[in-house]
């Protein structure tokens, strides 16, 4: 197992938890491509909020 990638798992879990807490855990789309787009938009909004909050 690649040790460097595994050590970043806790960081990923923290980001996912933060996104779920701030933007909601539910995905409302019904098709896979719309689900993908919704998740991409959530990640983009999360990153923009972090850029504004921590310049």
C-alpha atoms as a PDB file:
ATOM      1  CA  UNK A   1       0.000   0.000   0.000  1.00  0.00           C
ATOM      2  CA  UNK A   2       1.242   3.468  -0.852  1.00  0.00           C
ATOM      3  CA  UNK A   3       1.954   5.100   2.517  1.00  0.00           C
ATOM      4  CA  UNK A   4       1.863   8.713   1.252  1.00  0.00           C
ATOM      5  CA  UNK A   5      -1.623   8.351  -0.192  1.00  0.00           C
ATOM      6  CA  UNK A   6      -2.977   6.524   2.836  1.00  0.00           C
ATOM      7  CA  UNK A   7      -1.719   9.239   5.190  1.00  0.00           C
ATOM      8  CA  UNK A   8      -3.919  11.767   3.382  1.00  0.00           C
ATOM      9  CA  UNK A   9      -7.106   9.833   4.040  1.00  0.00           C
ATOM     10  CA  UNK A  10      -7.859  11.705   7.259  1.00  0.00           C
ATOM     11  CA  UNK A  11      -7.514  15.008   5.401  1.00  0.00           C
ATOM     12  CA  UNK A  12      -9.983  13.817   2.748  1.00  0.00           C
ATOM     13  CA  UNK A  13     -12.456  12.672   5.381  1.00  0.00           C
ATOM     14  CA  UNK A  14     -12.227  16.086   7.061  1.00  0.00           C
ATOM     15  CA  UNK A  15     -12.991  17.911   3.809  1.00  0.00           C
ATOM     16  CA  UNK A  16     -15.919  15.612   2.991  1.00  0.00           C
ATOM     17  CA  UNK A  17     -17.335  16.083   6.465  1.00  0.00           C
ATOM     18  CA  UNK A  18     -17.011  19.849   6.185  1.00  0.00           C
ATOM     19  CA  UNK A  19     -18.750  19.904   2.793  1.00  0.00           C
ATOM     20  CA  UNK A  20     -21.598  17.758   4.134  1.00  0.00           C
ATOM     21  CA  UNK A  21     -21.974  19.936   7.212  1.00  0.00           C
ATOM     22  CA  UNK A  22     -21.978  23.294   5.382  1.00  0.00           C
ATOM     23  CA  UNK A  23     -23.655  22.449   2.075  1.00  0.00           C
ATOM     24  CA  UNK A  24     -25.803  19.453   2.985  1.00  0.00           C
ATOM     25  CA  UNK A  25     -25.299  15.739   2.549  1.00  0.00           C
ATOM     26  CA  UNK A  26     -28.181  15.070   0.168  1.00  0.00           C
ATOM     27  CA  UNK A  27     -27.761  14.948  -3.599  1.00  0.00           C
ATOM     28  CA  UNK A  28     -31.038  15.875  -5.225  1.00  0.00           C
ATOM     29  CA  UNK A  29     -30.223  14.928  -8.814  1.00  0.00           C
ATOM     30  CA  UNK A  30     -31.723  11.778 -10.293  1.00  0.00           C
ATOM     31  CA  UNK A  31     -29.318  10.994 -13.148  1.00  0.00           C
ATOM     32  CA  UNK A  32     -25.643  10.150 -12.701  1.00  0.00           C
ATOM     33  CA  UNK A  33     -24.400  13.052 -14.844  1.00  0.00           C
ATOM     34  CA  UNK A  34     -26.503  15.521 -12.852  1.00  0.00           C
ATOM     35  CA  UNK A  35     -25.274  13.974  -9.589  1.00  0.00           C
ATOM     36  CA  UNK A  36     -21.707  14.425 -10.803  1.00  0.00           C
ATOM     37  CA  UNK A  37     -22.405  18.037 -11.746  1.00  0.00           C
ATOM     38  CA  UNK A  38     -24.025  18.736  -8.374  1.00  0.00           C
ATOM     39  CA  UNK A  39     -21.067  17.261  -6.490  1.00  0.00           C
ATOM     40  CA  UNK A  40     -18.656  19.257  -8.657  1.00  0.00           C
ATOM     41  CA  UNK A  41     -20.575  22.452  -7.922  1.00  0.00           C
ATOM     42  CA  UNK A  42     -20.566  21.707  -4.192  1.00  0.00           C
ATOM     43  CA  UNK A  43     -16.799  21.231  -4.265  1.00  0.00           C
ATOM     44  CA  UNK A  44     -16.382  24.465  -6.232  1.00  0.00           C
ATOM     45  CA  UNK A  45     -18.540  26.430  -3.792  1.00  0.00           C
ATOM     46  CA  UNK A  46     -16.609  24.946  -0.873  1.00  0.00           C
ATOM     47  CA  UNK A  47     -13.271  25.984  -2.433  1.00  0.00           C
ATOM     48  CA  UNK A  48     -14.529  29.489  -3.235  1.00  0.00           C
ATOM     49  CA  UNK A  49     -15.779  29.954   0.324  1.00  0.00           C
ATOM     50  CA  UNK A  50     -12.380  28.889   1.646  1.00  0.00           C
ATOM     51  CA  UNK A  51     -10.603  31.323  -0.702  1.00  0.00           C
ATOM     52  CA  UNK A  52     -12.792  34.204   0.447  1.00  0.00           C
ATOM     53  CA  UNK A  53     -12.498  33.313   4.127  1.00  0.00           C
ATOM     54  CA  UNK A  54      -8.730  32.626   4.093  1.00  0.00           C
ATOM     55  CA  UNK A  55      -7.115  34.876   1.448  1.00  0.00           C
END
